[in-house]
Each structure stands twice: as structure tokens, then as C-alpha cells.
Amino acid sequence: MTKAHVPPQAAGNRERVVSAKVRVKDRVLGHGRIAQGGMWFHGLCSECNNMAGAHYDAAYADFSNSMLARVNLQQRLYLPPVRLAPARVARSILIGMFATSPRLRVMFRGLAEDLRSRRDRITMPDGASLRLAVCLDRRTRLAGMYNAVRVIRHIEHYDVFSEVYFRPLAWALTPSGRGTAQHADQSVVEQQGWAVVDHWLQYSEDRTAADLRSLCRAPLPAVLHPLNGHDRDEWMEFMSDKVTAILEGEIPA
């Protein structure tokens, strides 16, 4: 496995960005050693890592940098006139998400193969959905399969197969389908109104200047990770160190 930066280094994920692994030891949640160099896992083979770098990561960086230059939290302008290559951006982040957990290649084998083979148009598998929001927090987070339930004051669910919080964007690969619809009113992602961008994979890779305002039906919400607030003690977290790796870090000022 090779060193896979998620999101790509060209989107600012390098050098002075610091991160540390989240660990549970003796039933206490803490962090490992903080290191510079961005958010990354040894989670992709060289073929897939190089393919993403050659074909998709530059498009992701262009989108991220354009959003960072145009989105202003005080103006609540979350759908600026940004142009992007939707298929390339979606493929870049999805390939990165496969680096966050080896379990994903088992669960979504068809999607992994479609991405690896650069299939012309890709359909998201049943049971999964790619979601997008705006995140202007300097705190970063990269994780594989993760679940949390808020149990104090009111019930909320936060359930992801993979998540990437790195300014100015937040991405989540979330469960979808009948079972999740029954609890939509308790889902953090649904309550916050994250955009569903599964259809970006249906565009041709040659479509490089689509208007973001035509790709999303509603303004993107500005979000923080639900456990980044002062009420983290109100949540129960469920994870396995065998299938979940979590990095938390910060983008320097």
C-alpha cells in the first residue's frame, strides 16, 4: 500500500497541516503523536493512487480552491458560480475514501472495480450515497466506517462509511435505503441538508466546466463535524480499530 493523501495534496493537504490518530486506550479516547504533512493513510495500491493523481486529483483541487476563494460564511453564499468537472471530482474523493477502510473494498466491490477501470459512467451501489457540504472549520477529520448516537437531550444519529472534513468541503459516504429513511428525522446529515451528489458520477470525464448551481438543487449547508463541539460527551461512539482509522488535525492559519 502507498501513502494516499485524502483530500489530494494539491487541495492544500500537505506540509504544515498537522494530524494525529484518534485512539482508545483503557477506555479513554485520546490522540497519538501529532505530525505535520497532511491527512493520509497507507490505504491504496500504487496503481490506484497514481491513477487518481494522474486523472482526477487536479480537478478536485481546482474545485476546492475555487470554493475556498468564493465561499464566505457570513454571506451564507454556499452555491457560488464555480465551475468544475463533476465526474472527476467525485471519483477523486471516492478513491480517497477507499483508502480510509479496507472493508469498503469488500462491501462495494463493484464500485471499487468501476473506479479502478475508469468506467465511462458509474452508478452508486444500492445502500450507499455520496454527500457534500461546506466546512470552513480549520479542524480536519478523516475516517473510515464510523457511527455515533447522541443520547442526551435528544436522539441523533451520525453514521458513515467514510468521511472527509477538510476546508472548504465536507464529504460523507453514507448508508441509504429503506432502513435509513425510517430514521431520517434523527440523522445529522439529513437534518443539516447535505447535498446528494451521486449523479456527478454519471457525467462524462470530458465535462470539465459544469456550473455548481446546476449540480446541486439547494444551497450547501455549512457544517462542523457533530463531535467537534462542546457537547461531545453527549454522544456514544462506535468504532473498531480493525476496520476504522480516524485522523483529526488542523489547517494552520
Protein backbone atom coordinates (compact mmCIF):
# COMPACT_ATOMS: atom_id res chain seq x y z
CA MET A 1 0.00 0.00 0.00
CA THR A 2 1.11 3.53 -0.79
CA LYS A 3 0.68 6.83 1.01
CA ALA A 4 -2.70 8.27 -0.04
CA HIS A 5 -3.47 11.87 0.90
CA VAL A 6 -7.21 12.48 1.34
CA PRO A 7 -8.14 15.02 0.06
CA PRO A 8 -5.35 15.44 -2.51
CA GLN A 9 -2.21 17.35 -1.63
CA ALA A 10 -2.97 19.90 -4.36
CA ALA A 11 -6.06 20.92 -2.36
CA GLY A 12 -3.83 22.14 0.48
CA ASN A 13 -3.47 18.82 2.31
CA ARG A 14 0.28 18.83 2.82
CA GLU A 15 3.31 20.23 4.59
CA ARG A 16 2.16 22.31 7.58
CA VAL A 17 -1.22 20.56 8.02
CA VAL A 18 -0.99 18.57 11.26
CA SER A 19 -2.86 15.41 12.19
CA ALA A 20 -2.90 12.65 14.77
CA LYS A 21 -4.64 9.28 15.04
CA VAL A 22 -7.61 9.01 17.39
CA ARG A 23 -7.12 6.08 19.75
CA VAL A 24 -8.95 4.39 22.58
CA LYS A 25 -6.70 3.13 25.36
CA ASP A 26 -8.01 1.81 28.66
CA ARG A 27 -11.46 3.02 27.59
CA VAL A 28 -10.22 6.60 27.27
CA LEU A 29 -10.36 8.48 23.96
CA GLY A 30 -7.16 10.30 23.05
CA HIS A 31 -4.73 11.14 20.26
CA GLY A 32 -1.45 9.71 19.16
CA ARG A 33 1.59 11.72 18.17
CA ILE A 34 0.85 14.88 16.19
CA ALA A 35 2.75 15.12 12.92
CA GLN A 36 2.95 17.54 10.01
CA GLY A 37 2.42 16.51 6.42
CA GLY A 38 -1.34 16.37 5.96
CA MET A 39 -4.10 13.78 6.27
CA TRP A 40 -3.16 10.40 4.79
CA PHE A 41 -3.40 6.65 5.16
CA HIS A 42 -1.39 3.81 3.65
CA GLY A 43 -4.61 2.63 2.01
CA LEU A 44 -4.25 2.50 -1.79
CA CYS A 45 -2.12 0.38 -4.08
CA SER A 46 0.27 2.32 -6.29
CA GLU A 47 -1.85 1.69 -9.41
CA CYS A 48 -4.99 3.29 -7.95
CA ASN A 49 -3.10 6.05 -6.19
CA ASN A 50 -1.24 7.02 -9.36
CA MET A 51 -4.42 6.78 -11.45
CA ALA A 52 -6.24 9.20 -9.14
CA GLY A 53 -3.28 11.57 -9.21
CA ALA A 54 -3.00 11.48 -12.97
CA HIS A 55 -6.67 11.89 -13.89
CA TYR A 56 -8.77 13.24 -11.00
CA ASP A 57 -6.93 14.99 -8.19
CA ALA A 58 -6.19 18.18 -10.14
CA ALA A 59 -9.92 18.60 -10.85
CA TYR A 60 -10.67 18.12 -7.15
CA ALA A 61 -8.05 20.72 -6.20
CA ASP A 62 -9.45 23.21 -8.73
CA PHE A 63 -12.94 22.80 -7.25
CA SER A 64 -11.73 23.04 -3.66
CA ASN A 65 -9.57 26.10 -4.29
CA SER A 66 -12.37 27.85 -6.20
CA MET A 67 -14.79 27.22 -3.35
CA LEU A 68 -12.31 28.46 -0.77
CA ALA A 69 -11.86 31.68 -2.70
CA ARG A 70 -15.58 32.35 -3.14
CA VAL A 71 -17.48 30.96 -0.15
CA ASN A 72 -17.97 33.35 2.75
CA LEU A 73 -19.73 32.01 5.84
CA GLN A 74 -21.02 35.44 6.82
CA GLN A 75 -22.65 35.91 3.42
CA ARG A 76 -24.29 32.46 3.55
CA LEU A 77 -23.33 32.04 -0.11
CA TYR A 78 -22.91 28.31 -0.47
CA LEU A 79 -23.56 27.94 -4.21
CA PRO A 80 -21.19 30.38 -5.87
CA PRO A 81 -20.72 30.40 -9.66
CA VAL A 82 -17.96 27.80 -9.52
CA ARG A 83 -17.30 25.56 -12.50
CA LEU A 84 -15.98 22.03 -12.04
CA ALA A 85 -15.54 18.59 -13.57
CA PRO A 86 -18.20 16.68 -11.57
CA ALA A 87 -17.21 13.13 -12.55
CA ARG A 88 -13.53 13.75 -11.90
CA VAL A 89 -14.18 15.43 -8.54
CA ALA A 90 -16.48 12.62 -7.36
CA ARG A 91 -14.04 9.93 -8.49
CA SER A 92 -11.16 11.65 -6.72
CA ILE A 93 -12.89 11.76 -3.35
CA LEU A 94 -14.36 8.25 -3.66
CA ILE A 95 -10.98 6.72 -4.46
CA GLY A 96 -9.63 8.54 -1.43
CA MET A 97 -12.45 7.16 0.69
CA PHE A 98 -11.46 3.63 -0.25
CA ALA A 99 -8.11 4.40 1.39
CA THR A 100 -9.83 5.04 4.73
CA SER A 101 -11.03 1.47 5.30
CA PRO A 102 -10.14 -1.89 3.70
CA ARG A 103 -13.68 -3.03 4.49
CA LEU A 104 -15.12 -0.76 1.80
CA ARG A 105 -13.50 -2.82 -0.96
CA VAL A 106 -15.42 -5.82 0.33
CA MET A 107 -18.74 -4.04 0.80
CA PHE A 108 -18.67 -2.13 -2.50
CA ARG A 109 -16.62 -4.37 -4.74
CA GLY A 110 -18.44 -3.25 -7.91
CA LEU A 111 -17.85 0.44 -7.21
CA ALA A 112 -14.19 -0.22 -6.49
CA GLU A 113 -13.80 -2.05 -9.80
CA ASP A 114 -15.68 0.65 -11.73
CA LEU A 115 -13.37 3.30 -10.32
CA ARG A 116 -10.25 1.22 -10.92
CA SER A 117 -11.17 0.51 -14.52
CA ARG A 118 -12.29 4.11 -15.20
CA ARG A 119 -15.71 3.02 -16.38
CA ASP A 120 -17.36 5.73 -18.52
CA ARG A 121 -20.36 6.27 -16.24
CA ILE A 122 -20.68 4.90 -12.75
CA THR A 123 -23.80 4.22 -10.68
CA MET A 124 -23.54 4.33 -6.92
CA PRO A 125 -24.29 0.94 -5.33
CA ASP A 126 -27.52 0.24 -3.50
CA GLY A 127 -27.17 1.18 0.13
CA ALA A 128 -24.65 4.00 -0.27
CA SER A 129 -24.80 7.68 -1.15
CA LEU A 130 -22.14 10.37 -1.61
CA ARG A 131 -22.96 13.57 0.28
CA LEU A 132 -21.44 17.06 0.16
CA ALA A 133 -21.47 20.12 2.43
CA VAL A 134 -19.37 23.21 3.11
CA CYS A 135 -16.93 23.12 6.02
CA LEU A 136 -14.96 26.28 6.84
CA ASP A 137 -13.52 24.98 10.12
CA ARG A 138 -9.74 24.74 10.32
CA ARG A 139 -10.14 21.45 12.18
CA THR A 140 -9.85 18.43 9.91
CA ARG A 141 -11.07 14.86 10.15
CA LEU A 142 -10.57 11.75 8.03
CA ALA A 143 -12.18 8.46 8.98
CA GLY A 144 -13.45 5.13 7.76
CA MET A 145 -16.57 3.33 9.00
CA TYR A 146 -17.92 5.22 11.98
CA ASN A 147 -21.14 5.52 13.94
CA ALA A 148 -22.21 7.81 16.76
CA VAL A 149 -25.51 8.29 18.59
CA ARG A 150 -26.44 11.31 20.65
CA VAL A 151 -28.26 10.06 23.73
CA ILE A 152 -28.61 13.14 25.96
CA ARG A 153 -31.31 15.82 25.49
CA HIS A 154 -32.45 14.29 22.19
CA ILE A 155 -31.53 11.42 19.90
CA GLU A 156 -29.41 11.98 16.80
CA HIS A 157 -27.59 9.52 14.56
CA TYR A 158 -24.36 10.05 12.66
CA ASP A 159 -23.50 7.03 10.53
CA VAL A 160 -20.89 7.00 7.74
CA PHE A 161 -18.89 4.51 5.72
CA SER A 162 -16.24 7.20 5.24
CA GLU A 163 -15.90 10.90 5.98
CA VAL A 164 -13.59 13.72 4.88
CA TYR A 165 -13.71 17.12 6.60
CA PHE A 166 -11.13 19.43 5.09
CA ARG A 167 -11.83 23.11 4.48
CA PRO A 168 -13.74 24.23 2.45
CA LEU A 169 -15.56 20.91 1.85
CA ALA A 170 -17.03 18.07 3.85
CA TRP A 171 -17.81 14.71 2.25
CA ALA A 172 -19.57 11.66 3.64
CA LEU A 173 -20.28 8.26 2.16
CA THR A 174 -23.50 7.42 3.98
CA PRO A 175 -25.89 4.48 4.17
CA SER A 176 -29.03 4.88 2.08
CA GLY A 177 -32.24 2.96 1.51
CA ARG A 178 -35.39 1.98 3.32
CA GLY A 179 -33.81 1.41 6.71
CA THR A 180 -32.15 4.80 6.81
CA ALA A 181 -35.29 6.55 5.56
CA GLN A 182 -37.12 5.41 8.69
CA HIS A 183 -34.66 7.37 10.84
CA ALA A 184 -34.15 10.35 8.54
CA ASP A 185 -35.55 12.75 11.13
CA GLN A 186 -32.77 11.68 13.54
CA SER A 187 -29.92 11.73 11.00
CA VAL A 188 -27.43 14.58 11.39
CA VAL A 189 -26.68 14.53 7.66
CA GLU A 190 -30.37 14.71 6.72
CA GLN A 191 -31.16 17.38 9.30
CA GLN A 192 -28.32 19.57 8.06
CA GLY A 193 -29.38 19.13 4.44
CA TRP A 194 -26.19 17.72 2.91
CA ALA A 195 -26.42 17.52 -0.89
CA VAL A 196 -26.66 14.13 -2.58
CA VAL A 197 -24.13 14.13 -5.43
CA ASP A 198 -24.36 10.53 -6.64
CA HIS A 199 -25.35 11.80 -10.10
CA TRP A 200 -21.97 13.50 -10.55
CA LEU A 201 -20.61 10.06 -11.48
CA GLN A 202 -23.00 9.92 -14.43
CA TYR A 203 -21.24 12.79 -16.18
CA SER A 204 -18.51 12.16 -18.72
CA GLU A 205 -14.96 12.81 -17.60
CA ASP A 206 -14.80 15.23 -20.54
CA ARG A 207 -17.37 17.50 -18.85
CA THR A 208 -14.99 19.90 -17.15
CA ALA A 209 -16.94 23.15 -16.74
CA ALA A 210 -20.31 22.31 -15.17
CA ASP A 211 -21.84 25.05 -13.02
CA LEU A 212 -22.14 24.06 -9.36
CA ARG A 213 -25.51 25.83 -9.21
CA SER A 214 -26.88 23.35 -11.77
CA LEU A 215 -25.36 20.35 -9.99
CA CYS A 216 -26.97 20.99 -6.60
CA ARG A 217 -30.69 21.57 -6.09
CA ALA A 218 -30.30 23.64 -2.94
CA PRO A 219 -27.62 25.69 -1.17
CA LEU A 220 -24.96 23.61 0.52
CA PRO A 221 -25.15 23.76 4.31
CA ALA A 222 -22.18 24.97 6.32
CA VAL A 223 -21.34 22.22 8.81
CA LEU A 224 -18.95 21.16 11.53
CA HIS A 225 -18.29 17.58 12.49
CA PRO A 226 -21.02 16.75 15.01
CA LEU A 227 -18.44 15.69 17.62
CA ASN A 228 -16.28 18.81 17.29
CA GLY A 229 -18.49 20.83 19.60
CA HIS A 230 -18.67 21.29 23.35
CA ASP A 231 -21.31 18.55 23.65
CA ARG A 232 -19.11 15.60 22.63
CA ASP A 233 -19.83 13.95 25.99
CA GLU A 234 -23.48 13.61 24.94
CA TRP A 235 -22.54 11.15 22.20
CA MET A 236 -21.81 7.43 22.23
CA GLU A 237 -19.20 6.46 19.61
CA PHE A 238 -18.98 3.05 17.97
CA MET A 239 -15.87 2.01 16.07
CA SER A 240 -13.50 -0.89 15.56
CA ASP A 241 -9.76 -0.46 15.26
CA LYS A 242 -9.83 -3.40 12.82
CA VAL A 243 -11.94 -1.54 10.23
CA THR A 244 -11.81 2.12 11.29
CA ALA A 245 -8.92 4.54 11.31
CA ILE A 246 -9.53 8.13 12.39
CA LEU A 247 -7.30 11.14 11.91
CA GLU A 248 -8.05 14.50 13.44
CA GLY A 249 -5.95 17.55 12.70
CA GLU A 250 -5.80 21.23 11.87
CA ILE A 251 -5.04 23.52 8.97
CA PRO A 252 -2.64 26.24 10.15
CA ALA A 253 -3.66 29.88 9.94
